[in-house]
Amino acid sequence: MQANDLRKGQVIKFNNEACLVMEVMHRTPGNLRAFVQAKLRNLRTGRSGDQRFNSTESVEVMSTDRQTLELSYIERDTWFFMNPTSFEQFELNEVLIGDAKNYIVPNGTVEVLFVDDVPVTVSLPSSVTLKIVESADGVKGDTASNVQKPAKLETGLMIQVPLFIKEGEMIKVSTDNGAYMGRA
């Protein structure tokens, strides 16, 4: 494939590493030759950077597959997922899961990107519904606006919630920054 045909979301082999194409811009400056400027993220290290390619330069596109998987159970540092349609089992290590572990509960779903049948990234939905397992009671009469208290979620994550939220309630949490979004 030529660099001219690169598209956002593809995975290419660059410097013998799998890299996700995040942005692509075709440039033709004045009297110079056209080139393609791509923002690439290395899927192994997570680092991203810009790279220029001649528009006719050939690039190797890797075969990818995105699957929605459901968490079955966790054993030590290994997370076991299942494809709910094919019932195929997958083992992912905690390093690959990363910070997503704060938002995944048993039977919760994630999207996993496979490159050449090897899982490389785990993506979460923009928000998840989690249960509060520990929270202090709000003080009666303390009704000033925007007063928050700490609460522990079923995954172990500590977040700030409004005073009226009680232990045992289900709340919606942003997976981008861990912020309280409202009751579920």
N, C-alpha and C. Protein backbone atom coordinates (compact mmCIF):
# COMPACT_ATOMS: atom_id res chain seq x y z
N MET A 1 0.85 -1.18 0.00
CA MET A 1 0.00 0.00 0.00
C MET A 1 0.89 1.23 0.00
N GLN A 2 0.46 2.28 -0.70
CA GLN A 2 1.22 3.53 -0.74
C GLN A 2 0.81 4.43 0.43
N ALA A 3 1.72 5.28 0.85
CA ALA A 3 1.46 6.20 1.96
C ALA A 3 0.28 7.12 1.64
N ASN A 4 0.05 7.40 0.37
CA ASN A 4 -1.08 8.23 -0.06
C ASN A 4 -2.41 7.64 0.38
N ASP A 5 -2.48 6.31 0.53
CA ASP A 5 -3.73 5.63 0.85
C ASP A 5 -3.92 5.39 2.36
N LEU A 6 -3.03 5.92 3.18
CA LEU A 6 -3.17 5.74 4.64
C LEU A 6 -4.44 6.41 5.14
N ARG A 7 -5.09 5.76 6.12
CA ARG A 7 -6.30 6.30 6.72
C ARG A 7 -6.21 6.20 8.24
N LYS A 8 -6.91 7.10 8.91
CA LYS A 8 -6.97 7.10 10.37
C LYS A 8 -7.56 5.78 10.85
N GLY A 9 -6.95 5.20 11.90
CA GLY A 9 -7.45 3.95 12.49
C GLY A 9 -6.75 2.71 11.99
N GLN A 10 -5.96 2.83 10.90
CA GLN A 10 -5.22 1.67 10.41
C GLN A 10 -4.01 1.41 11.30
N VAL A 11 -3.52 0.18 11.27
CA VAL A 11 -2.31 -0.19 12.00
C VAL A 11 -1.26 -0.56 10.96
N ILE A 12 -0.10 0.11 11.02
CA ILE A 12 0.96 -0.16 10.06
C ILE A 12 2.21 -0.64 10.79
N LYS A 13 3.11 -1.28 10.04
CA LYS A 13 4.39 -1.70 10.60
C LYS A 13 5.39 -0.59 10.28
N PHE A 14 5.92 0.04 11.31
CA PHE A 14 6.89 1.13 11.14
C PHE A 14 8.06 0.86 12.08
N ASN A 15 9.26 0.79 11.56
CA ASN A 15 10.46 0.44 12.34
C ASN A 15 10.26 -0.89 13.08
N ASN A 16 9.66 -1.87 12.41
CA ASN A 16 9.40 -3.20 12.96
C ASN A 16 8.50 -3.19 14.19
N GLU A 17 7.68 -2.17 14.34
CA GLU A 17 6.73 -2.05 15.46
C GLU A 17 5.34 -1.79 14.90
N ALA A 18 4.33 -2.28 15.58
CA ALA A 18 2.94 -1.99 15.20
C ALA A 18 2.59 -0.59 15.68
N CYS A 19 2.13 0.26 14.74
CA CYS A 19 1.78 1.64 15.07
C CYS A 19 0.39 1.96 14.56
N LEU A 20 -0.40 2.61 15.41
CA LEU A 20 -1.76 3.02 15.05
C LEU A 20 -1.69 4.39 14.41
N VAL A 21 -2.34 4.56 13.25
CA VAL A 21 -2.40 5.84 12.56
C VAL A 21 -3.50 6.67 13.21
N MET A 22 -3.10 7.78 13.86
CA MET A 22 -4.06 8.62 14.58
C MET A 22 -4.57 9.78 13.74
N GLU A 23 -3.71 10.33 12.89
CA GLU A 23 -4.08 11.44 12.00
C GLU A 23 -3.29 11.30 10.72
N VAL A 24 -3.87 11.75 9.60
CA VAL A 24 -3.18 11.73 8.31
C VAL A 24 -3.45 13.05 7.61
N MET A 25 -2.37 13.70 7.13
CA MET A 25 -2.51 14.93 6.37
C MET A 25 -1.69 14.81 5.09
N HIS A 26 -2.31 15.11 3.95
CA HIS A 26 -1.62 15.12 2.67
C HIS A 26 -1.16 16.55 2.41
N ARG A 27 0.13 16.72 2.14
CA ARG A 27 0.69 18.06 1.95
C ARG A 27 1.35 18.16 0.58
N THR A 28 1.19 19.30 -0.07
CA THR A 28 1.89 19.59 -1.32
C THR A 28 2.39 21.02 -1.21
N PRO A 29 3.57 21.21 -0.61
CA PRO A 29 4.08 22.57 -0.41
C PRO A 29 4.70 23.15 -1.69
N GLY A 30 4.20 24.29 -2.13
CA GLY A 30 4.75 25.05 -3.25
C GLY A 30 5.29 24.22 -4.39
N ASN A 31 6.60 24.34 -4.61
CA ASN A 31 7.23 23.64 -5.73
C ASN A 31 7.93 22.34 -5.28
N LEU A 32 7.61 21.86 -4.10
CA LEU A 32 8.24 20.63 -3.61
C LEU A 32 7.34 19.43 -3.90
N ARG A 33 7.87 18.26 -3.66
CA ARG A 33 7.09 17.04 -3.88
C ARG A 33 6.08 16.84 -2.76
N ALA A 34 4.98 16.20 -3.12
CA ALA A 34 3.93 15.93 -2.13
C ALA A 34 4.41 14.90 -1.12
N PHE A 35 3.91 15.03 0.11
CA PHE A 35 4.22 14.05 1.15
C PHE A 35 3.00 13.85 2.03
N VAL A 36 3.07 12.80 2.82
CA VAL A 36 2.00 12.47 3.76
C VAL A 36 2.58 12.59 5.16
N GLN A 37 1.93 13.38 6.01
CA GLN A 37 2.37 13.50 7.39
C GLN A 37 1.36 12.76 8.25
N ALA A 38 1.85 11.78 9.01
CA ALA A 38 0.97 10.95 9.83
C ALA A 38 1.39 11.02 11.28
N LYS A 39 0.41 11.05 12.16
CA LYS A 39 0.68 10.96 13.59
C LYS A 39 0.49 9.50 13.95
N LEU A 40 1.55 8.87 14.46
CA LEU A 40 1.54 7.44 14.77
C LEU A 40 1.70 7.22 16.26
N ARG A 41 1.00 6.19 16.79
CA ARG A 41 1.19 5.79 18.19
C ARG A 41 1.68 4.36 18.21
N ASN A 42 2.85 4.17 18.83
CA ASN A 42 3.41 2.84 18.96
C ASN A 42 2.54 2.05 19.93
N LEU A 43 2.02 0.90 19.48
CA LEU A 43 1.09 0.14 20.31
C LEU A 43 1.78 -0.63 21.44
N ARG A 44 3.10 -0.82 21.33
CA ARG A 44 3.81 -1.53 22.40
C ARG A 44 4.21 -0.57 23.52
N THR A 45 4.74 0.61 23.15
CA THR A 45 5.23 1.55 24.16
C THR A 45 4.21 2.63 24.52
N GLY A 46 3.26 2.91 23.62
CA GLY A 46 2.27 3.95 23.87
C GLY A 46 2.73 5.33 23.45
N ARG A 47 3.97 5.47 23.00
CA ARG A 47 4.49 6.78 22.57
C ARG A 47 3.92 7.15 21.21
N SER A 48 3.71 8.45 21.01
CA SER A 48 3.22 8.89 19.71
C SER A 48 4.12 9.98 19.16
N GLY A 49 4.10 10.12 17.85
CA GLY A 49 4.93 11.13 17.19
C GLY A 49 4.53 11.27 15.73
N ASP A 50 5.02 12.35 15.11
CA ASP A 50 4.74 12.60 13.70
C ASP A 50 5.79 11.94 12.82
N GLN A 51 5.36 11.49 11.67
CA GLN A 51 6.26 10.85 10.72
C GLN A 51 5.88 11.29 9.31
N ARG A 52 6.89 11.63 8.50
CA ARG A 52 6.64 12.01 7.10
C ARG A 52 6.96 10.84 6.19
N PHE A 53 6.10 10.65 5.20
CA PHE A 53 6.31 9.63 4.18
C PHE A 53 6.20 10.30 2.81
N ASN A 54 7.03 9.86 1.84
CA ASN A 54 6.80 10.27 0.46
C ASN A 54 5.44 9.76 0.06
N SER A 55 4.72 10.48 -0.78
CA SER A 55 3.36 10.05 -1.11
C SER A 55 3.35 8.71 -1.85
N THR A 56 4.44 8.34 -2.51
CA THR A 56 4.49 7.07 -3.23
C THR A 56 5.22 5.97 -2.45
N GLU A 57 5.70 6.31 -1.25
CA GLU A 57 6.42 5.33 -0.42
C GLU A 57 5.47 4.21 -0.01
N SER A 58 5.98 2.99 -0.01
CA SER A 58 5.10 1.88 0.37
C SER A 58 5.17 1.64 1.88
N VAL A 59 3.99 1.33 2.47
CA VAL A 59 3.88 1.03 3.90
C VAL A 59 3.17 -0.30 4.05
N GLU A 60 3.51 -1.02 5.11
CA GLU A 60 2.90 -2.33 5.35
C GLU A 60 1.76 -2.17 6.34
N VAL A 61 0.55 -2.47 5.87
CA VAL A 61 -0.63 -2.41 6.73
C VAL A 61 -0.81 -3.79 7.37
N MET A 62 -1.00 -3.80 8.68
CA MET A 62 -1.15 -5.06 9.41
C MET A 62 -2.63 -5.41 9.53
N SER A 63 -2.92 -6.70 9.58
CA SER A 63 -4.32 -7.12 9.72
C SER A 63 -4.79 -6.88 11.16
N THR A 64 -5.95 -6.27 11.29
CA THR A 64 -6.48 -5.94 12.61
C THR A 64 -7.89 -6.50 12.76
N ASP A 65 -8.29 -6.63 14.01
CA ASP A 65 -9.62 -7.11 14.33
C ASP A 65 -10.03 -6.48 15.66
N ARG A 66 -11.21 -5.88 15.71
CA ARG A 66 -11.73 -5.33 16.97
C ARG A 66 -12.84 -6.24 17.45
N GLN A 67 -12.74 -6.65 18.72
CA GLN A 67 -13.76 -7.53 19.29
C GLN A 67 -14.26 -6.94 20.60
N THR A 68 -15.55 -7.06 20.83
CA THR A 68 -16.13 -6.68 22.11
C THR A 68 -16.11 -7.92 22.99
N LEU A 69 -15.39 -7.81 24.11
CA LEU A 69 -15.22 -8.95 25.02
C LEU A 69 -15.85 -8.64 26.37
N GLU A 70 -16.24 -9.70 27.07
CA GLU A 70 -16.88 -9.60 28.38
C GLU A 70 -15.95 -10.19 29.43
N LEU A 71 -15.76 -9.49 30.55
CA LEU A 71 -14.89 -9.99 31.62
C LEU A 71 -15.55 -11.16 32.32
N SER A 72 -14.84 -12.30 32.36
CA SER A 72 -15.35 -13.49 33.06
C SER A 72 -14.89 -13.48 34.51
N TYR A 73 -13.55 -13.43 34.71
CA TYR A 73 -13.02 -13.40 36.07
C TYR A 73 -11.56 -12.95 36.04
N ILE A 74 -11.02 -12.66 37.22
CA ILE A 74 -9.64 -12.21 37.38
C ILE A 74 -8.93 -13.18 38.31
N GLU A 75 -7.73 -13.60 37.91
CA GLU A 75 -6.93 -14.49 38.74
C GLU A 75 -5.51 -13.95 38.78
N ARG A 76 -5.08 -13.48 39.94
CA ARG A 76 -3.78 -12.82 40.12
C ARG A 76 -3.65 -11.66 39.15
N ASP A 77 -2.66 -11.68 38.24
CA ASP A 77 -2.45 -10.59 37.29
C ASP A 77 -3.03 -10.89 35.91
N THR A 78 -3.86 -11.91 35.81
CA THR A 78 -4.43 -12.30 34.52
C THR A 78 -5.94 -12.06 34.52
N TRP A 79 -6.40 -11.40 33.48
CA TRP A 79 -7.82 -11.11 33.31
C TRP A 79 -8.35 -12.03 32.22
N PHE A 80 -9.42 -12.72 32.49
CA PHE A 80 -9.99 -13.68 31.54
C PHE A 80 -11.25 -13.08 30.92
N PHE A 81 -11.25 -12.96 29.60
CA PHE A 81 -12.36 -12.40 28.86
C PHE A 81 -12.95 -13.44 27.93
N MET A 82 -14.22 -13.24 27.56
CA MET A 82 -14.89 -14.14 26.64
C MET A 82 -15.62 -13.32 25.58
N ASN A 83 -15.57 -13.81 24.34
CA ASN A 83 -16.35 -13.22 23.27
C ASN A 83 -17.78 -13.74 23.43
N PRO A 84 -18.77 -12.86 23.69
CA PRO A 84 -20.13 -13.33 23.97
C PRO A 84 -20.83 -14.00 22.77
N THR A 85 -20.33 -13.80 21.55
CA THR A 85 -20.97 -14.44 20.40
C THR A 85 -20.33 -15.78 20.04
N SER A 86 -18.97 -15.84 20.09
CA SER A 86 -18.29 -17.10 19.71
C SER A 86 -17.89 -17.93 20.93
N PHE A 87 -18.01 -17.37 22.14
CA PHE A 87 -17.62 -18.02 23.40
C PHE A 87 -16.13 -18.37 23.45
N GLU A 88 -15.32 -17.70 22.62
CA GLU A 88 -13.88 -17.89 22.64
C GLU A 88 -13.29 -17.17 23.85
N GLN A 89 -12.32 -17.81 24.53
CA GLN A 89 -11.71 -17.26 25.75
C GLN A 89 -10.40 -16.54 25.41
N PHE A 90 -10.12 -15.45 26.11
CA PHE A 90 -8.88 -14.70 25.94
C PHE A 90 -8.31 -14.37 27.31
N GLU A 91 -6.97 -14.46 27.43
CA GLU A 91 -6.28 -14.08 28.66
C GLU A 91 -5.49 -12.81 28.37
N LEU A 92 -5.73 -11.76 29.17
CA LEU A 92 -4.99 -10.52 29.02
C LEU A 92 -4.27 -10.23 30.33
N ASN A 93 -3.02 -9.76 30.24
CA ASN A 93 -2.30 -9.46 31.47
C ASN A 93 -2.63 -8.06 31.96
N GLU A 94 -2.35 -7.81 33.22
CA GLU A 94 -2.73 -6.55 33.86
C GLU A 94 -2.01 -5.36 33.24
N VAL A 95 -0.82 -5.57 32.67
CA VAL A 95 -0.09 -4.48 32.03
C VAL A 95 -0.87 -3.97 30.82
N LEU A 96 -1.44 -4.89 30.04
CA LEU A 96 -2.23 -4.51 28.87
C LEU A 96 -3.53 -3.82 29.29
N ILE A 97 -4.13 -4.26 30.38
CA ILE A 97 -5.38 -3.66 30.88
C ILE A 97 -5.12 -2.23 31.35
N GLY A 98 -4.00 -2.00 32.06
CA GLY A 98 -3.63 -0.66 32.51
C GLY A 98 -4.65 -0.04 33.44
N ASP A 99 -4.93 1.25 33.25
CA ASP A 99 -5.87 1.98 34.11
C ASP A 99 -7.33 1.59 33.87
N ALA A 100 -7.58 0.83 32.82
CA ALA A 100 -8.95 0.38 32.55
C ALA A 100 -9.47 -0.52 33.67
N LYS A 101 -8.56 -1.07 34.47
CA LYS A 101 -8.98 -1.97 35.56
C LYS A 101 -9.87 -1.27 36.58
N ASN A 102 -9.79 0.06 36.65
CA ASN A 102 -10.63 0.82 37.59
C ASN A 102 -12.08 0.93 37.14
N TYR A 103 -12.37 0.49 35.92
CA TYR A 103 -13.72 0.67 35.37
C TYR A 103 -14.36 -0.63 34.88
N ILE A 104 -13.66 -1.75 35.01
CA ILE A 104 -14.18 -3.02 34.51
C ILE A 104 -14.64 -3.88 35.68
N VAL A 105 -15.88 -4.35 35.61
CA VAL A 105 -16.44 -5.26 36.61
C VAL A 105 -16.78 -6.58 35.92
N PRO A 106 -16.92 -7.69 36.66
CA PRO A 106 -17.32 -8.94 36.03
C PRO A 106 -18.58 -8.75 35.17
N ASN A 107 -18.56 -9.33 33.99
CA ASN A 107 -19.59 -9.21 32.96
C ASN A 107 -19.60 -7.85 32.27
N GLY A 108 -18.64 -6.97 32.63
CA GLY A 108 -18.50 -5.69 31.94
C GLY A 108 -17.84 -5.91 30.59
N THR A 109 -18.12 -5.04 29.62
CA THR A 109 -17.56 -5.22 28.29
C THR A 109 -16.50 -4.18 27.97
N VAL A 110 -15.53 -4.59 27.16
CA VAL A 110 -14.47 -3.72 26.64
C VAL A 110 -14.27 -4.05 25.17
N GLU A 111 -13.67 -3.13 24.44
CA GLU A 111 -13.32 -3.39 23.05
C GLU A 111 -11.81 -3.61 22.99
N VAL A 112 -11.40 -4.74 22.40
CA VAL A 112 -9.98 -5.09 22.33
C VAL A 112 -9.55 -5.08 20.87
N LEU A 113 -8.43 -4.39 20.59
CA LEU A 113 -7.87 -4.35 19.25
C LEU A 113 -6.82 -5.46 19.14
N PHE A 114 -7.03 -6.34 18.18
CA PHE A 114 -6.08 -7.43 17.91
C PHE A 114 -5.31 -7.09 16.63
N VAL A 115 -3.98 -7.20 16.68
CA VAL A 115 -3.14 -7.04 15.50
C VAL A 115 -2.45 -8.37 15.27
N ASP A 116 -2.69 -8.97 14.11
CA ASP A 116 -2.18 -10.30 13.80
C ASP A 116 -2.53 -11.30 14.90
N ASP A 117 -3.77 -11.26 15.36
CA ASP A 117 -4.33 -12.15 16.38
C ASP A 117 -3.69 -12.02 17.76
N VAL A 118 -3.00 -10.90 18.01
CA VAL A 118 -2.41 -10.62 19.32
C VAL A 118 -3.10 -9.38 19.88
N PRO A 119 -3.67 -9.44 21.11
CA PRO A 119 -4.32 -8.26 21.68
C PRO A 119 -3.30 -7.17 22.00
N VAL A 120 -3.57 -5.93 21.56
CA VAL A 120 -2.62 -4.84 21.79
C VAL A 120 -3.18 -3.68 22.59
N THR A 121 -4.48 -3.38 22.46
CA THR A 121 -5.06 -2.28 23.24
C THR A 121 -6.45 -2.65 23.74
N VAL A 122 -6.81 -2.04 24.87
CA VAL A 122 -8.13 -2.22 25.46
C VAL A 122 -8.80 -0.85 25.51
N SER A 123 -10.01 -0.75 24.93
CA SER A 123 -10.75 0.51 24.92
C SER A 123 -12.03 0.36 25.74
N LEU A 124 -12.34 1.40 26.49
CA LEU A 124 -13.55 1.41 27.33
C LEU A 124 -14.62 2.28 26.69
N PRO A 125 -15.88 2.07 27.06
CA PRO A 125 -16.91 3.02 26.64
C PRO A 125 -16.65 4.36 27.35
N SER A 126 -17.31 5.44 26.90
CA SER A 126 -17.04 6.76 27.49
C SER A 126 -17.47 6.86 28.94
N SER A 127 -18.47 6.05 29.35
CA SER A 127 -18.88 6.05 30.76
C SER A 127 -19.33 4.64 31.15
N VAL A 128 -19.23 4.34 32.44
CA VAL A 128 -19.64 3.04 32.97
C VAL A 128 -20.50 3.26 34.21
N THR A 129 -21.32 2.26 34.53
CA THR A 129 -22.15 2.31 35.74
C THR A 129 -21.51 1.42 36.79
N LEU A 130 -21.20 2.01 37.94
CA LEU A 130 -20.55 1.27 39.03
C LEU A 130 -21.31 1.50 40.34
N LYS A 131 -21.12 0.57 41.27
CA LYS A 131 -21.80 0.62 42.57
C LYS A 131 -20.87 1.23 43.62
N ILE A 132 -21.42 2.05 44.49
CA ILE A 132 -20.65 2.63 45.60
C ILE A 132 -20.67 1.62 46.74
N VAL A 133 -19.49 1.22 47.21
CA VAL A 133 -19.41 0.25 48.29
C VAL A 133 -19.06 0.89 49.63
N GLU A 134 -18.52 2.11 49.59
CA GLU A 134 -18.13 2.76 50.84
C GLU A 134 -18.25 4.27 50.66
N SER A 135 -18.99 4.93 51.55
CA SER A 135 -19.14 6.37 51.47
C SER A 135 -19.61 6.89 52.82
N ALA A 136 -19.05 8.00 53.24
CA ALA A 136 -19.46 8.62 54.50
C ALA A 136 -20.82 9.28 54.32
N ASP A 137 -21.58 9.37 55.39
CA ASP A 137 -22.87 10.05 55.32
C ASP A 137 -22.65 11.55 55.25
N GLY A 138 -23.53 12.24 54.51
CA GLY A 138 -23.45 13.69 54.44
C GLY A 138 -23.96 14.29 55.73
N VAL A 139 -23.41 15.41 56.14
CA VAL A 139 -23.83 16.07 57.37
C VAL A 139 -25.11 16.86 57.09
N LYS A 140 -26.14 16.66 57.92
CA LYS A 140 -27.42 17.34 57.72
C LYS A 140 -27.21 18.85 57.86
N GLY A 141 -27.78 19.58 56.92
CA GLY A 141 -27.62 21.03 56.95
C GLY A 141 -26.45 21.51 56.10
N ASP A 142 -25.59 20.60 55.69
CA ASP A 142 -24.43 20.95 54.86
C ASP A 142 -24.88 20.88 53.40
N THR A 143 -25.59 21.90 52.96
CA THR A 143 -26.18 21.86 51.61
C THR A 143 -25.60 22.91 50.69
N ALA A 144 -24.42 23.40 50.98
CA ALA A 144 -23.80 24.36 50.08
C ALA A 144 -23.59 23.69 48.72
N SER A 145 -23.70 24.46 47.67
CA SER A 145 -23.57 23.86 46.34
C SER A 145 -22.16 23.34 46.10
N ASN A 146 -22.09 22.27 45.33
CA ASN A 146 -20.83 21.65 44.93
C ASN A 146 -20.01 21.06 46.07
N VAL A 147 -20.62 20.73 47.19
CA VAL A 147 -19.89 20.08 48.27
C VAL A 147 -19.78 18.61 47.90
N GLN A 148 -18.57 18.06 47.98
CA GLN A 148 -18.34 16.68 47.56
C GLN A 148 -17.73 15.89 48.72
N LYS A 149 -17.86 14.57 48.61
CA LYS A 149 -17.28 13.68 49.61
C LYS A 149 -16.64 12.51 48.85
N PRO A 150 -15.64 11.85 49.46
CA PRO A 150 -15.02 10.70 48.79
C PRO A 150 -15.92 9.47 48.86
N ALA A 151 -15.86 8.65 47.82
CA ALA A 151 -16.62 7.40 47.78
C ALA A 151 -15.77 6.34 47.11
N LYS A 152 -15.86 5.11 47.63
CA LYS A 152 -15.11 3.99 47.06
C LYS A 152 -16.06 3.16 46.20
N LEU A 153 -15.63 2.89 44.96
CA LEU A 153 -16.44 2.12 44.03
C LEU A 153 -16.12 0.64 44.13
N GLU A 154 -16.95 -0.21 43.53
CA GLU A 154 -16.77 -1.66 43.60
C GLU A 154 -15.46 -2.14 42.99
N THR A 155 -14.82 -1.32 42.14
CA THR A 155 -13.53 -1.69 41.55
C THR A 155 -12.36 -1.26 42.43
N GLY A 156 -12.64 -0.51 43.49
CA GLY A 156 -11.58 -0.02 44.37
C GLY A 156 -11.20 1.42 44.11
N LEU A 157 -11.72 2.01 43.05
CA LEU A 157 -11.42 3.39 42.68
C LEU A 157 -12.10 4.36 43.65
N MET A 158 -11.36 5.37 44.09
CA MET A 158 -11.92 6.42 44.95
C MET A 158 -12.22 7.64 44.09
N ILE A 159 -13.46 8.15 44.18
CA ILE A 159 -13.84 9.35 43.44
C ILE A 159 -14.60 10.29 44.37
N GLN A 160 -14.81 11.52 43.91
CA GLN A 160 -15.58 12.51 44.65
C GLN A 160 -17.02 12.50 44.13
N VAL A 161 -17.99 12.44 45.03
CA VAL A 161 -19.40 12.43 44.67
C VAL A 161 -20.14 13.49 45.50
N PRO A 162 -21.33 13.94 45.06
CA PRO A 162 -22.11 14.89 45.85
C PRO A 162 -22.57 14.25 47.17
N LEU A 163 -22.91 15.09 48.14
CA LEU A 163 -23.28 14.62 49.48
C LEU A 163 -24.51 13.73 49.51
N PHE A 164 -25.46 13.90 48.58
CA PHE A 164 -26.70 13.13 48.63
C PHE A 164 -26.55 11.68 48.14
N ILE A 165 -25.41 11.33 47.59
CA ILE A 165 -25.18 9.96 47.12
C ILE A 165 -24.88 9.07 48.33
N LYS A 166 -25.55 7.92 48.39
CA LYS A 166 -25.40 7.01 49.54
C LYS A 166 -24.73 5.71 49.12
N GLU A 167 -24.23 5.00 50.11
CA GLU A 167 -23.62 3.69 49.91
C GLU A 167 -24.64 2.73 49.29
N GLY A 168 -24.20 1.94 48.31
CA GLY A 168 -25.07 0.98 47.65
C GLY A 168 -25.72 1.50 46.38
N GLU A 169 -25.63 2.80 46.12
CA GLU A 169 -26.24 3.36 44.90
C GLU A 169 -25.38 3.08 43.68
N MET A 170 -26.03 3.02 42.53
CA MET A 170 -25.34 2.86 41.25
C MET A 170 -25.18 4.25 40.64
N ILE A 171 -23.94 4.57 40.22
CA ILE A 171 -23.68 5.88 39.62
C ILE A 171 -22.97 5.71 38.28
N LYS A 172 -23.04 6.75 37.48
CA LYS A 172 -22.38 6.78 36.18
C LYS A 172 -21.06 7.52 36.35
N VAL A 173 -19.95 6.90 35.84
CA VAL A 173 -18.62 7.48 36.01
C VAL A 173 -17.96 7.61 34.63
N SER A 174 -17.32 8.75 34.39
CA SER A 174 -16.58 8.97 33.14
C SER A 174 -15.31 8.14 33.16
N THR A 175 -15.03 7.42 32.06
CA THR A 175 -13.80 6.62 32.00
C THR A 175 -12.61 7.46 31.55
N ASP A 176 -12.85 8.69 31.09
CA ASP A 176 -11.75 9.57 30.67
C ASP A 176 -11.01 10.14 31.87
N ASN A 177 -11.77 10.62 32.88
CA ASN A 177 -11.12 11.28 34.00
C ASN A 177 -11.60 10.77 35.37
N GLY A 178 -12.47 9.79 35.40
CA GLY A 178 -12.95 9.23 36.67
C GLY A 178 -13.92 10.13 37.41
N ALA A 179 -14.56 11.06 36.71
CA ALA A 179 -15.47 12.00 37.37
C ALA A 179 -16.88 11.43 37.47
N TYR A 180 -17.56 11.82 38.54
CA TYR A 180 -18.97 11.46 38.76
C TYR A 180 -19.80 12.17 37.70
N MET A 181 -20.73 11.43 37.07
CA MET A 181 -21.57 12.00 36.01
C MET A 181 -23.04 12.05 36.40
N GLY A 182 -23.45 11.27 37.39
CA GLY A 182 -24.85 11.27 37.79
C GLY A 182 -25.27 9.90 38.27
N ARG A 183 -26.50 9.82 38.74
CA ARG A 183 -27.05 8.52 39.18
C ARG A 183 -27.39 7.69 37.95
N ALA A 184 -27.32 6.37 38.12
CA ALA A 184 -27.66 5.49 36.99
C ALA A 184 -29.09 5.04 37.06
